[in-house]
Amino acid sequence: MKDKIHPKYFPNAKVYYRGEVVMEVGATVPELHVEIWSGSHPFFTGQKTFVDTAGRVEKFQRKFQGAYFQQKGKTPAPAKAPASAKAPAPAKAPKEADQEPGKK
C-alpha cells in the first residue's frame, strides 16, 4: 500500500441524529450528522410518518398557491360543434398516378 494517498480511517466514528449519538461506524470522518437513519425511516420502523425537516412541502405550496396554473392572457377555446353538424367533405379528384397507364 502506498503511503500518504489514503485518508485517515476512524474505526469509531459517531453518527448523530437530531443531536443524539445513534451508532458508531467506521468512516473517514470522526462524526457524521444525518437527517434520516434506519431507526427513524418508515420502511424499517413500520410507522407511517412524514419527515420534512427542510420545509420543502411548505415551500412548494407557497410557490404554487393561488392561480399559478391558470393560463395568463389567453381566453378559453370556443366549444367545438358536434361532428354530425359538419358538412361532408368534397370528393377528391383522382391523381394521374392513380389512373391506369395509357389513359388520360
C-alpha atoms as a PDB file:
ATOM      1  CA  MET A   1       0.000   0.000   0.000  1.00  0.00           C
ATOM      2  CA  LYS A   2       1.334   3.445  -0.904  1.00  0.00           C
ATOM      3  CA  ASP A   3       1.969   5.960   1.844  1.00  0.00           C
ATOM      4  CA  LYS A   4       0.136   9.292   2.091  1.00  0.00           C
ATOM      5  CA  ILE A   5      -2.581   8.579  -0.523  1.00  0.00           C
ATOM      6  CA  HIS A   6      -5.274   7.061   1.699  1.00  0.00           C
ATOM      7  CA  PRO A   7      -7.478   9.108   4.036  1.00  0.00           C
ATOM      8  CA  LYS A   8      -7.272   8.600   7.780  1.00  0.00           C
ATOM      9  CA  TYR A   9      -9.710   5.932   8.973  1.00  0.00           C
ATOM     10  CA  PHE A  10     -11.750   6.374  12.157  1.00  0.00           C
ATOM     11  CA  PRO A  11     -12.999   2.959  13.348  1.00  0.00           C
ATOM     12  CA  ASN A  12     -15.343   4.518  15.951  1.00  0.00           C
ATOM     13  CA  ALA A  13     -16.941   7.417  14.063  1.00  0.00           C
ATOM     14  CA  LYS A  14     -20.081   8.610  15.812  1.00  0.00           C
ATOM     15  CA  VAL A  15     -23.348   9.011  13.868  1.00  0.00           C
ATOM     16  CA  TYR A  16     -25.569  11.836  15.164  1.00  0.00           C
ATOM     17  CA  TYR A  17     -29.296  12.098  14.533  1.00  0.00           C
ATOM     18  CA  ARG A  18     -31.031  15.198  15.967  1.00  0.00           C
ATOM     19  CA  GLY A  19     -28.116  15.805  18.306  1.00  0.00           C
ATOM     20  CA  GLU A  20     -28.008  12.260  19.728  1.00  0.00           C
ATOM     21  CA  VAL A  21     -25.436   9.571  19.045  1.00  0.00           C
ATOM     22  CA  VAL A  22     -27.321   6.694  17.451  1.00  0.00           C
ATOM     23  CA  MET A  23     -24.476   4.386  16.457  1.00  0.00           C
ATOM     24  CA  GLU A  24     -20.775   4.076  15.800  1.00  0.00           C
ATOM     25  CA  VAL A  25     -19.363   3.055  12.442  1.00  0.00           C
ATOM     26  CA  GLY A  26     -16.051   3.046  10.631  1.00  0.00           C
ATOM     27  CA  ALA A  27     -15.576   6.110   8.424  1.00  0.00           C
ATOM     28  CA  THR A  28     -13.059   8.621   7.109  1.00  0.00           C
ATOM     29  CA  VAL A  29     -14.534  11.412   9.265  1.00  0.00           C
ATOM     30  CA  PRO A  30     -14.837  11.369  13.059  1.00  0.00           C
ATOM     31  CA  GLU A  31     -18.520  12.474  13.134  1.00  0.00           C
ATOM     32  CA  LEU A  32     -21.483  12.003  10.810  1.00  0.00           C
ATOM     33  CA  HIS A  33     -24.652  14.116  11.127  1.00  0.00           C
ATOM     34  CA  VAL A  34     -27.629  12.524   9.350  1.00  0.00           C
ATOM     35  CA  GLU A  35     -31.241  13.581   8.732  1.00  0.00           C
ATOM     36  CA  ILE A  36     -32.625  10.033   8.426  1.00  0.00           C
ATOM     37  CA  TRP A  37     -31.320   6.710   9.629  1.00  0.00           C
ATOM     38  CA  SER A  38     -32.784   3.211   9.862  1.00  0.00           C
ATOM     39  CA  GLY A  39     -34.213   3.886  13.334  1.00  0.00           C
ATOM     40  CA  SER A  40     -36.338   6.763  12.044  1.00  0.00           C
ATOM     41  CA  HIS A  41     -37.173   5.646   8.497  1.00  0.00           C
ATOM     42  CA  PRO A  42     -40.767   4.379   7.991  1.00  0.00           C
ATOM     43  CA  PHE A  43     -39.583   1.413   5.918  1.00  0.00           C
ATOM     44  CA  PHE A  44     -37.680  -0.011   8.872  1.00  0.00           C
ATOM     45  CA  THR A  45     -39.943   1.158  11.708  1.00  0.00           C
ATOM     46  CA  GLY A  46     -43.292   0.336  10.089  1.00  0.00           C
ATOM     47  CA  GLN A  47     -44.716   3.717  11.099  1.00  0.00           C
ATOM     48  CA  LYS A  48     -46.327   5.966   8.543  1.00  0.00           C
ATOM     49  CA  THR A  49     -44.806   9.323   9.407  1.00  0.00           C
ATOM     50  CA  PHE A  50     -43.885  12.151   7.092  1.00  0.00           C
ATOM     51  CA  VAL A  51     -40.393  13.573   7.501  1.00  0.00           C
ATOM     52  CA  ASP A  52     -39.915  17.101   6.158  1.00  0.00           C
ATOM     53  CA  THR A  53     -37.024  18.691   8.002  1.00  0.00           C
ATOM     54  CA  ALA A  54     -36.258  21.375   5.410  1.00  0.00           C
ATOM     55  CA  GLY A  55     -39.829  22.628   4.837  1.00  0.00           C
ATOM     56  CA  ARG A  56     -39.875  21.555   1.182  1.00  0.00           C
ATOM     57  CA  VAL A  57     -43.635  20.913   1.123  1.00  0.00           C
ATOM     58  CA  GLU A  58     -44.491  24.338   2.534  1.00  0.00           C
ATOM     59  CA  LYS A  59     -42.089  25.992   0.074  1.00  0.00           C
ATOM     60  CA  PHE A  60     -43.785  24.195  -2.832  1.00  0.00           C
ATOM     61  CA  GLN A  61     -47.255  25.136  -1.596  1.00  0.00           C
ATOM     62  CA  ARG A  62     -46.288  28.805  -1.212  1.00  0.00           C
ATOM     63  CA  LYS A  63     -44.771  28.877  -4.704  1.00  0.00           C
ATOM     64  CA  PHE A  64     -47.760  27.352  -6.476  1.00  0.00           C
ATOM     65  CA  GLN A  65     -50.639  28.751  -4.428  1.00  0.00           C
ATOM     66  CA  GLY A  66     -53.491  30.700  -5.978  1.00  0.00           C
ATOM     67  CA  ALA A  67     -53.965  30.962  -9.728  1.00  0.00           C
ATOM     68  CA  TYR A  68     -50.454  29.884 -10.737  1.00  0.00           C
ATOM     69  CA  PHE A  69     -51.608  27.181 -13.153  1.00  0.00           C
ATOM     70  CA  GLN A  70     -54.240  29.273 -14.936  1.00  0.00           C
ATOM     71  CA  GLN A  71     -53.190  30.467 -18.384  1.00  0.00           C
ATOM     72  CA  LYS A  72     -52.354  34.162 -18.383  1.00  0.00           C
ATOM     73  CA  GLY A  73     -53.750  36.378 -21.159  1.00  0.00           C
ATOM     74  CA  LYS A  74     -55.440  33.563 -23.071  1.00  0.00           C
ATOM     75  CA  THR A  75     -59.159  33.126 -23.449  1.00  0.00           C
ATOM     76  CA  PRO A  76     -60.577  29.627 -23.372  1.00  0.00           C
ATOM     77  CA  ALA A  77     -61.078  27.993 -26.781  1.00  0.00           C
ATOM     78  CA  PRO A  78     -64.654  28.069 -28.125  1.00  0.00           C
ATOM     79  CA  ALA A  79     -66.643  24.871 -27.835  1.00  0.00           C
ATOM     80  CA  LYS A  80     -66.470  22.638 -30.901  1.00  0.00           C
ATOM     81  CA  ALA A  81     -69.592  21.841 -32.889  1.00  0.00           C
ATOM     82  CA  PRO A  82     -70.752  18.217 -32.804  1.00  0.00           C
ATOM     83  CA  ALA A  83     -69.440  16.013 -35.627  1.00  0.00           C
ATOM     84  CA  SER A  84     -72.950  15.441 -37.061  1.00  0.00           C
ATOM     85  CA  ALA A  85     -73.401  19.181 -37.777  1.00  0.00           C
ATOM     86  CA  LYS A  86     -70.413  19.345 -40.144  1.00  0.00           C
ATOM     87  CA  ALA A  87     -70.908  19.230 -43.900  1.00  0.00           C
ATOM     88  CA  PRO A  88     -69.440  16.202 -45.700  1.00  0.00           C
ATOM     89  CA  ALA A  89     -66.003  16.684 -47.227  1.00  0.00           C
ATOM     90  CA  PRO A  90     -65.928  17.235 -51.022  1.00  0.00           C
ATOM     91  CA  ALA A  91     -64.812  14.301 -53.189  1.00  0.00           C
ATOM     92  CA  LYS A  92     -61.184  14.446 -54.306  1.00  0.00           C
ATOM     93  CA  ALA A  93     -60.188  14.261 -57.954  1.00  0.00           C
ATOM     94  CA  PRO A  94     -58.064  11.202 -58.817  1.00  0.00           C
ATOM     95  CA  LYS A  95     -54.351  11.785 -59.353  1.00  0.00           C
ATOM     96  CA  GLU A  96     -52.590  10.822 -62.584  1.00  0.00           C
ATOM     97  CA  ALA A  97     -50.582   8.180 -60.785  1.00  0.00           C
ATOM     98  CA  ASP A  98     -53.817   6.512 -59.638  1.00  0.00           C
ATOM     99  CA  GLN A  99     -55.121   6.165 -63.213  1.00  0.00           C
ATOM    100  CA  GLU A 100     -54.343   3.235 -65.453  1.00  0.00           C
ATOM    101  CA  PRO A 101     -51.296   3.644 -67.712  1.00  0.00           C
ATOM    102  CA  GLY A 102     -52.131   4.877 -71.209  1.00  0.00           C
ATOM    103  CA  LYS A 103     -55.343   6.647 -70.234  1.00  0.00           C
ATOM    104  CA  LYS A 104     -55.513  10.368 -69.668  1.00  0.00           C
END
